[in-house]
PDB file of N, CA and C in Angstrom:
ATOM      1  N   UNK A   1      12.007 -19.707 -16.750  1.00  0.00           N
ATOM      2  CA  UNK A   1      10.906 -19.312 -15.872  1.00  0.00           C
ATOM      3  C   UNK A   1       9.786 -18.548 -16.512  1.00  0.00           C
ATOM      4  N   UNK A   2       8.618 -18.871 -16.031  1.00  0.00           N
ATOM      5  CA  UNK A   2       7.316 -18.356 -16.588  1.00  0.00           C
ATOM      6  C   UNK A   2       7.130 -16.937 -16.248  1.00  0.00           C
ATOM      7  N   UNK A   3       6.694 -16.396 -17.052  1.00  0.00           N
ATOM      8  CA  UNK A   3       6.474 -14.929 -17.079  1.00  0.00           C
ATOM      9  C   UNK A   3       4.987 -14.572 -16.494  1.00  0.00           C
ATOM     10  N   UNK A   4       4.701 -13.649 -15.691  1.00  0.00           N
ATOM     11  CA  UNK A   4       3.466 -13.401 -15.053  1.00  0.00           C
ATOM     12  C   UNK A   4       2.801 -12.314 -15.656  1.00  0.00           C
ATOM     13  N   UNK A   5       1.278 -12.486 -16.110  1.00  0.00           N
ATOM     14  CA  UNK A   5       0.650 -11.122 -16.526  1.00  0.00           C
ATOM     15  C   UNK A   5       0.388 -10.121 -15.450  1.00  0.00           C
ATOM     16  N   UNK A   6       0.629  -8.914 -15.722  1.00  0.00           N
ATOM     17  CA  UNK A   6       0.224  -7.639 -14.956  1.00  0.00           C
ATOM     18  C   UNK A   6      -0.488  -6.608 -15.880  1.00  0.00           C
ATOM     19  N   UNK A   7      -1.109  -5.837 -15.110  1.00  0.00           N
ATOM     20  CA  UNK A   7      -1.764  -5.045 -16.032  1.00  0.00           C
ATOM     21  C   UNK A   7      -1.532  -3.561 -15.602  1.00  0.00           C
ATOM     22  N   UNK A   8      -0.652  -2.747 -16.704  1.00  0.00           N
ATOM     23  CA  UNK A   8      -0.271  -1.570 -16.457  1.00  0.00           C
ATOM     24  C   UNK A   8      -1.061  -0.488 -17.316  1.00  0.00           C
ATOM     25  N   UNK A   9      -1.599   0.450 -16.584  1.00  0.00           N
ATOM     26  CA  UNK A   9      -2.431   1.506 -17.144  1.00  0.00           C
ATOM     27  C   UNK A   9      -3.632   0.861 -18.430  1.00  0.00           C
ATOM     28  N   UNK A  10      -4.212  -0.419 -17.611  1.00  0.00           N
ATOM     29  CA  UNK A  10      -5.077  -0.751 -18.586  1.00  0.00           C
ATOM     30  C   UNK A  10      -4.701  -2.036 -19.539  1.00  0.00           C
ATOM     31  N   UNK A  11      -3.450  -2.127 -19.827  1.00  0.00           N
ATOM     32  CA  UNK A  11      -2.675  -2.983 -20.654  1.00  0.00           C
ATOM     33  C   UNK A  11      -1.978  -4.061 -19.935  1.00  0.00           C
ATOM     34  N   UNK A  12      -2.544  -5.181 -20.605  1.00  0.00           N
ATOM     35  CA  UNK A  12      -1.588  -6.519 -20.012  1.00  0.00           C
ATOM     36  C   UNK A  12      -0.431  -6.793 -20.678  1.00  0.00           C
ATOM     37  N   UNK A  13       0.558  -6.954 -19.794  1.00  0.00           N
ATOM     38  CA  UNK A  13       1.970  -7.112 -20.132  1.00  0.00           C
ATOM     39  C   UNK A  13       2.483  -8.469 -19.240  1.00  0.00           C
ATOM     40  N   UNK A  14       3.608  -8.792 -19.706  1.00  0.00           N
ATOM     41  CA  UNK A  14       4.233  -9.978 -18.899  1.00  0.00           C
ATOM     42  C   UNK A  14       5.227  -9.436 -18.276  1.00  0.00           C
ATOM     43  N   UNK A  15       5.657  -9.832 -16.954  1.00  0.00           N
ATOM     44  CA  UNK A  15       6.963  -9.599 -16.248  1.00  0.00           C
ATOM     45  C   UNK A  15       7.308 -10.770 -15.680  1.00  0.00           C
ATOM     46  N   UNK A  16       8.944 -10.664 -15.256  1.00  0.00           N
ATOM     47  CA  UNK A  16       9.545 -11.761 -14.797  1.00  0.00           C
ATOM     48  C   UNK A  16       8.983 -11.843 -13.252  1.00  0.00           C
ATOM     49  N   UNK A  17       8.751 -13.112 -12.855  1.00  0.00           N
ATOM     50  CA  UNK A  17       8.557 -13.223 -11.260  1.00  0.00           C
ATOM     51  C   UNK A  17       9.625 -12.651 -10.537  1.00  0.00           C
ATOM     52  N   UNK A  18       9.089 -12.205  -9.535  1.00  0.00           N
ATOM     53  CA  UNK A  18      10.178 -11.571  -8.390  1.00  0.00           C
ATOM     54  C   UNK A  18      10.596 -10.256  -8.782  1.00  0.00           C
ATOM     55  N   UNK A  19      10.183  -9.829  -9.913  1.00  0.00           N
ATOM     56  CA  UNK A  19      10.575  -8.582 -10.361  1.00  0.00           C
ATOM     57  C   UNK A  19       9.981  -7.447  -9.894  1.00  0.00           C
ATOM     58  N   UNK A  20      10.492  -6.304  -9.360  1.00  0.00           N
ATOM     59  CA  UNK A  20       9.770  -5.266  -8.773  1.00  0.00           C
ATOM     60  C   UNK A  20       9.056  -4.564  -9.843  1.00  0.00           C
ATOM     61  N   UNK A  21       8.054  -3.690  -9.169  1.00  0.00           N
ATOM     62  CA  UNK A  21       7.201  -3.179 -10.177  1.00  0.00           C
ATOM     63  C   UNK A  21       7.838  -2.102 -11.078  1.00  0.00           C
ATOM     64  N   UNK A  22       8.855  -1.259 -10.257  1.00  0.00           N
ATOM     65  CA  UNK A  22       9.570  -0.454 -10.913  1.00  0.00           C
ATOM     66  C   UNK A  22      10.320  -1.122 -12.185  1.00  0.00           C
ATOM     67  N   UNK A  23      10.852  -2.022 -11.883  1.00  0.00           N
ATOM     68  CA  UNK A  23      11.679  -2.749 -13.036  1.00  0.00           C
ATOM     69  C   UNK A  23      10.705  -3.126 -14.139  1.00  0.00           C
ATOM     70  N   UNK A  24       9.570  -3.752 -13.877  1.00  0.00           N
ATOM     71  CA  UNK A  24       8.635  -4.012 -14.724  1.00  0.00           C
ATOM     72  C   UNK A  24       8.262  -3.059 -15.838  1.00  0.00           C
ATOM     73  N   UNK A  25       7.848  -1.730 -15.067  1.00  0.00           N
ATOM     74  CA  UNK A  25       7.475  -0.552 -15.748  1.00  0.00           C
ATOM     75  C   UNK A  25       8.922  -0.036 -16.687  1.00  0.00           C
ATOM     76  N   UNK A  26       9.853  -0.102 -16.107  1.00  0.00           N
ATOM     77  CA  UNK A  26      11.062   0.343 -17.009  1.00  0.00           C
ATOM     78  C   UNK A  26      11.323  -0.669 -18.168  1.00  0.00           C
ATOM     79  N   UNK A  27      11.152  -1.962 -17.964  1.00  0.00           N
ATOM     80  CA  UNK A  27      11.375  -2.756 -18.964  1.00  0.00           C
ATOM     81  C   UNK A  27      10.244  -2.750 -20.030  1.00  0.00           C
ATOM     82  N   UNK A  28       9.134  -2.136 -19.649  1.00  0.00           N
ATOM     83  CA  UNK A  28       7.950  -1.942 -20.506  1.00  0.00           C
ATOM     84  C   UNK A  28       8.227  -0.458 -21.309  1.00  0.00           C
ATOM     85  N   UNK A  29       9.139   0.214 -20.910  1.00  0.00           N
ATOM     86  CA  UNK A  29       9.523   1.503 -21.649  1.00  0.00           C
ATOM     87  C   UNK A  29       8.843   2.636 -20.918  1.00  0.00           C
ATOM     88  N   UNK A  30       8.256   2.647 -19.614  1.00  0.00           N
ATOM     89  CA  UNK A  30       7.732   3.453 -19.105  1.00  0.00           C
ATOM     90  C   UNK A  30       8.547   4.112 -17.973  1.00  0.00           C
ATOM     91  N   UNK A  31       8.963   5.411 -18.282  1.00  0.00           N
ATOM     92  CA  UNK A  31       9.703   6.215 -17.451  1.00  0.00           C
ATOM     93  C   UNK A  31       9.207   7.274 -16.377  1.00  0.00           C
ATOM     94  N   UNK A  32       8.071   7.741 -16.799  1.00  0.00           N
ATOM     95  CA  UNK A  32       7.231   8.694 -15.946  1.00  0.00           C
ATOM     96  C   UNK A  32       6.163   7.839 -15.273  1.00  0.00           C
ATOM     97  N   UNK A  33       6.790   7.578 -13.845  1.00  0.00           N
ATOM     98  CA  UNK A  33       5.674   6.829 -12.993  1.00  0.00           C
ATOM     99  C   UNK A  33       4.580   7.885 -12.543  1.00  0.00           C
ATOM    100  N   UNK A  34       4.769   8.929 -12.341  1.00  0.00           N
ATOM    101  CA  UNK A  34       3.750   9.958 -11.774  1.00  0.00           C
ATOM    102  C   UNK A  34       4.116  11.257 -12.313  1.00  0.00           C
ATOM    103  N   UNK A  35       3.335  12.411 -11.992  1.00  0.00           N
ATOM    104  CA  UNK A  35       3.545  13.652 -12.192  1.00  0.00           C
ATOM    105  C   UNK A  35       3.967  14.443 -11.050  1.00  0.00           C
ATOM    106  N   UNK A  36       4.620  15.538 -11.054  1.00  0.00           N
ATOM    107  CA  UNK A  36       4.823  16.355  -9.915  1.00  0.00           C
ATOM    108  C   UNK A  36       3.881  17.429  -9.924  1.00  0.00           C
ATOM    109  N   UNK A  37       3.895  18.195  -8.851  1.00  0.00           N
ATOM    110  CA  UNK A  37       2.811  19.307  -8.924  1.00  0.00           C
ATOM    111  C   UNK A  37       2.696  20.299  -9.808  1.00  0.00           C
ATOM    112  N   UNK A  38       4.118  20.321 -10.540  1.00  0.00           N
ATOM    113  CA  UNK A  38       4.173  21.072 -11.778  1.00  0.00           C
ATOM    114  C   UNK A  38       4.032  20.542 -13.112  1.00  0.00           C
ATOM    115  N   UNK A  39       3.459  19.170 -13.016  1.00  0.00           N
ATOM    116  CA  UNK A  39       3.013  18.400 -14.087  1.00  0.00           C
ATOM    117  C   UNK A  39       4.277  17.725 -14.790  1.00  0.00           C
ATOM    118  N   UNK A  40       5.520  17.487 -14.164  1.00  0.00           N
ATOM    119  CA  UNK A  40       6.546  17.120 -14.760  1.00  0.00           C
ATOM    120  C   UNK A  40       6.785  15.584 -14.443  1.00  0.00           C
ATOM    121  N   UNK A  41       7.123  14.626 -15.248  1.00  0.00           N
ATOM    122  CA  UNK A  41       7.251  13.413 -15.015  1.00  0.00           C
ATOM    123  C   UNK A  41       8.157  13.122 -14.070  1.00  0.00           C
ATOM    124  N   UNK A  42       7.948  12.130 -13.205  1.00  0.00           N
ATOM    125  CA  UNK A  42       8.872  11.610 -12.035  1.00  0.00           C
ATOM    126  C   UNK A  42       8.964  10.163 -12.043  1.00  0.00           C
ATOM    127  N   UNK A  43      10.151   9.651 -12.015  1.00  0.00           N
ATOM    128  CA  UNK A  43      10.430   8.140 -11.922  1.00  0.00           C
ATOM    129  C   UNK A  43      11.348   7.898 -10.879  1.00  0.00           C
ATOM    130  N   UNK A  44      11.749   6.551 -10.706  1.00  0.00           N
ATOM    131  CA  UNK A  44      12.599   6.225  -9.682  1.00  0.00           C
ATOM    132  C   UNK A  44      13.798   6.820  -9.389  1.00  0.00           C
ATOM    133  N   UNK A  45      14.419   7.181  -8.352  1.00  0.00           N
ATOM    134  CA  UNK A  45      15.708   7.820  -8.212  1.00  0.00           C
ATOM    135  C   UNK A  45      16.652   6.959  -7.414  1.00  0.00           C
ATOM    136  N   UNK A  46      16.060   6.613  -6.316  1.00  0.00           N
ATOM    137  CA  UNK A  46      17.193   5.789  -5.375  1.00  0.00           C
ATOM    138  C   UNK A  46      16.932   4.331  -5.406  1.00  0.00           C
ATOM    139  N   UNK A  47      15.708   3.908  -5.877  1.00  0.00           N
ATOM    140  CA  UNK A  47      15.437   2.215  -6.170  1.00  0.00           C
ATOM    141  C   UNK A  47      15.792   1.690  -4.680  1.00  0.00           C
ATOM    142  N   UNK A  48      15.560   2.137  -3.588  1.00  0.00           N
ATOM    143  CA  UNK A  48      15.540   1.588  -2.350  1.00  0.00           C
ATOM    144  C   UNK A  48      14.527   2.137  -1.328  1.00  0.00           C
ATOM    145  N   UNK A  49      13.429   2.852  -1.726  1.00  0.00           N
ATOM    146  CA  UNK A  49      12.430   3.361  -1.061  1.00  0.00           C
ATOM    147  C   UNK A  49      12.471   4.419  -0.182  1.00  0.00           C
ATOM    148  N   UNK A  50      13.375   5.276  -0.461  1.00  0.00           N
ATOM    149  CA  UNK A  50      13.462   6.532   0.486  1.00  0.00           C
ATOM    150  C   UNK A  50      13.065   7.761  -0.224  1.00  0.00           C
ATOM    151  N   UNK A  51      13.172   7.707  -1.552  1.00  0.00           N
ATOM    152  CA  UNK A  51      12.811   9.134  -2.375  1.00  0.00           C
ATOM    153  C   UNK A  51      11.473   9.384  -2.668  1.00  0.00           C
ATOM    154  N   UNK A  52      10.547   8.199  -2.995  1.00  0.00           N
ATOM    155  CA  UNK A  52       9.248   8.413  -3.060  1.00  0.00           C
ATOM    156  C   UNK A  52       8.854   8.878  -4.316  1.00  0.00           C
ATOM    157  N   UNK A  53       9.824   8.877  -5.378  1.00  0.00           N
ATOM    158  CA  UNK A  53       9.498   9.504  -6.689  1.00  0.00           C
ATOM    159  C   UNK A  53       8.828   8.278  -7.578  1.00  0.00           C
ATOM    160  N   UNK A  54       8.890   7.273  -7.153  1.00  0.00           N
ATOM    161  CA  UNK A  54       8.323   6.075  -8.084  1.00  0.00           C
ATOM    162  C   UNK A  54       6.956   5.762  -7.593  1.00  0.00           C
ATOM    163  N   UNK A  55       6.325   6.445  -6.879  1.00  0.00           N
ATOM    164  CA  UNK A  55       4.888   6.017  -6.402  1.00  0.00           C
ATOM    165  C   UNK A  55       3.998   6.007  -7.662  1.00  0.00           C
ATOM    166  N   UNK A  56       3.226   4.708  -7.297  1.00  0.00           N
ATOM    167  CA  UNK A  56       2.137   4.480  -8.519  1.00  0.00           C
ATOM    168  C   UNK A  56       0.795   3.895  -7.620  1.00  0.00           C
ATOM    169  N   UNK A  57      -0.358   3.670  -8.236  1.00  0.00           N
ATOM    170  CA  UNK A  57      -1.398   3.125  -7.592  1.00  0.00           C
ATOM    171  C   UNK A  57      -1.298   1.615  -8.019  1.00  0.00           C
ATOM    172  N   UNK A  58      -1.341   0.726  -6.999  1.00  0.00           N
ATOM    173  CA  UNK A  58      -1.261  -0.507  -7.111  1.00  0.00           C
ATOM    174  C   UNK A  58      -2.576  -1.270  -6.630  1.00  0.00           C
ATOM    175  N   UNK A  59      -3.304  -1.915  -7.508  1.00  0.00           N
ATOM    176  CA  UNK A  59      -4.708  -2.573  -7.118  1.00  0.00           C
ATOM    177  C   UNK A  59      -5.545  -1.565  -6.385  1.00  0.00           C
ATOM    178  N   UNK A  60      -5.633  -0.420  -6.976  1.00  0.00           N
ATOM    179  CA  UNK A  60      -6.485   0.685  -6.226  1.00  0.00           C
ATOM    180  C   UNK A  60      -5.942   1.250  -5.033  1.00  0.00           C
ATOM    181  N   UNK A  61      -4.769   0.872  -4.655  1.00  0.00           N
ATOM    182  CA  UNK A  61      -4.159   1.666  -3.464  1.00  0.00           C
ATOM    183  C   UNK A  61      -3.030   2.694  -4.124  1.00  0.00           C
ATOM    184  N   UNK A  62      -3.364   4.050  -3.731  1.00  0.00           N
ATOM    185  CA  UNK A  62      -2.238   4.855  -4.342  1.00  0.00           C
ATOM    186  C   UNK A  62      -1.054   5.077  -3.494  1.00  0.00           C
ATOM    187  N   UNK A  63      -0.137   5.754  -3.895  1.00  0.00           N
ATOM    188  CA  UNK A  63       1.066   6.024  -3.421  1.00  0.00           C
ATOM    189  C   UNK A  63       2.040   4.833  -3.024  1.00  0.00           C
ATOM    190  N   UNK A  64       1.986   3.768  -3.708  1.00  0.00           N
ATOM    191  CA  UNK A  64       2.810   2.617  -3.458  1.00  0.00           C
ATOM    192  C   UNK A  64       4.109   2.950  -4.097  1.00  0.00           C
ATOM    193  N   UNK A  65       5.174   2.556  -3.402  1.00  0.00           N
ATOM    194  CA  UNK A  65       6.716   2.686  -3.918  1.00  0.00           C
ATOM    195  C   UNK A  65       6.887   1.473  -4.879  1.00  0.00           C
ATOM    196  N   UNK A  66       6.880   1.696  -6.089  1.00  0.00           N
ATOM    197  CA  UNK A  66       7.179   0.625  -7.179  1.00  0.00           C
ATOM    198  C   UNK A  66       8.288  -0.003  -6.988  1.00  0.00           C
ATOM    199  N   UNK A  67       9.498   0.582  -6.493  1.00  0.00           N
ATOM    200  CA  UNK A  67      10.841  -0.027  -6.233  1.00  0.00           C
ATOM    201  C   UNK A  67      10.620  -0.858  -5.009  1.00  0.00           C
ATOM    202  N   UNK A  68       9.462  -1.130  -4.182  1.00  0.00           N
ATOM    203  CA  UNK A  68       9.379  -1.793  -3.056  1.00  0.00           C
ATOM    204  C   UNK A  68       8.388  -2.980  -3.301  1.00  0.00           C
ATOM    205  N   UNK A  69       7.636  -2.971  -4.306  1.00  0.00           N
ATOM    206  CA  UNK A  69       6.533  -3.904  -4.492  1.00  0.00           C
ATOM    207  C   UNK A  69       7.294  -4.933  -5.456  1.00  0.00           C
ATOM    208  N   UNK A  70       6.910  -6.280  -5.286  1.00  0.00           N
ATOM    209  CA  UNK A  70       7.171  -7.241  -6.222  1.00  0.00           C
ATOM    210  C   UNK A  70       5.946  -7.435  -7.155  1.00  0.00           C
ATOM    211  N   UNK A  71       6.039  -7.781  -8.339  1.00  0.00           N
ATOM    212  CA  UNK A  71       5.139  -8.263  -9.258  1.00  0.00           C
ATOM    213  C   UNK A  71       4.438  -9.370  -8.827  1.00  0.00           C
ATOM    214  N   UNK A  72       2.904  -9.391  -8.854  1.00  0.00           N
ATOM    215  CA  UNK A  72       2.154 -10.631  -8.670  1.00  0.00           C
ATOM    216  C   UNK A  72       1.419 -10.701  -9.913  1.00  0.00           C
ATOM    217  N   UNK A  73       0.793 -12.111 -10.119  1.00  0.00           N
ATOM    218  CA  UNK A  73       0.020 -12.219 -11.169  1.00  0.00           C
ATOM    219  C   UNK A  73      -1.143 -11.584 -11.146  1.00  0.00           C
ATOM    220  N   UNK A  74      -1.711 -10.758 -12.115  1.00  0.00           N
ATOM    221  CA  UNK A  74      -3.064  -9.967 -12.183  1.00  0.00           C
ATOM    222  C   UNK A  74      -3.045  -8.696 -11.598  1.00  0.00           C
ATOM    223  N   UNK A  75      -1.818  -8.343 -10.836  1.00  0.00           N
ATOM    224  CA  UNK A  75      -1.765  -7.066 -10.264  1.00  0.00           C
ATOM    225  C   UNK A  75      -2.080  -5.938 -11.246  1.00  0.00           C
ATOM    226  N   UNK A  76      -3.005  -4.804 -10.808  1.00  0.00           N
ATOM    227  CA  UNK A  76      -3.113  -3.807 -11.676  1.00  0.00           C
ATOM    228  C   UNK A  76      -2.414  -2.641 -11.323  1.00  0.00           C
ATOM    229  N   UNK A  77      -1.653  -1.937 -12.135  1.00  0.00           N
ATOM    230  CA  UNK A  77      -0.707  -0.577 -11.974  1.00  0.00           C
ATOM    231  C   UNK A  77      -1.160   0.466 -12.660  1.00  0.00           C
ATOM    232  N   UNK A  78      -1.367   1.480 -11.949  1.00  0.00           N
ATOM    233  CA  UNK A  78      -1.600   2.629 -12.792  1.00  0.00           C
ATOM    234  C   UNK A  78      -0.748   3.624 -12.508  1.00  0.00           C
ATOM    235  N   UNK A  79      -0.161   4.201 -13.512  1.00  0.00           N
ATOM    236  CA  UNK A  79       0.878   5.487 -13.270  1.00  0.00           C
ATOM    237  C   UNK A  79       0.258   6.718 -13.503  1.00  0.00           C
ATOM    238  N   UNK A  80       0.884   7.778 -13.209  1.00  0.00           N
ATOM    239  CA  UNK A  80       0.414   9.071 -13.396  1.00  0.00           C
ATOM    240  C   UNK A  80       1.187   9.845 -14.227  1.00  0.00           C
ATOM    241  N   UNK A  81       2.239   9.309 -14.878  1.00  0.00           N
ATOM    242  CA  UNK A  81       3.463  10.130 -15.706  1.00  0.00           C
ATOM    243  C   UNK A  81       3.028  10.550 -16.910  1.00  0.00           C
TER     244      UNK A  81
END
């Protein structure tokens, strides 16, 4: 299966098609998806969209749940971790 290019924090990487953004970030070694109000890194906890700990900015839209979004070619993901 052909991997697809996505942009994570300004850096182009390749992800498996039909992979969630959360999985692509974890596969790239990124564990902190955002920062808490106390500036502590946060990442996925539930992996089913109810905890909201995996929020990232996707294509300029903030607060997207990374565990619920599938990677698309060329999508731009910004973490705050």
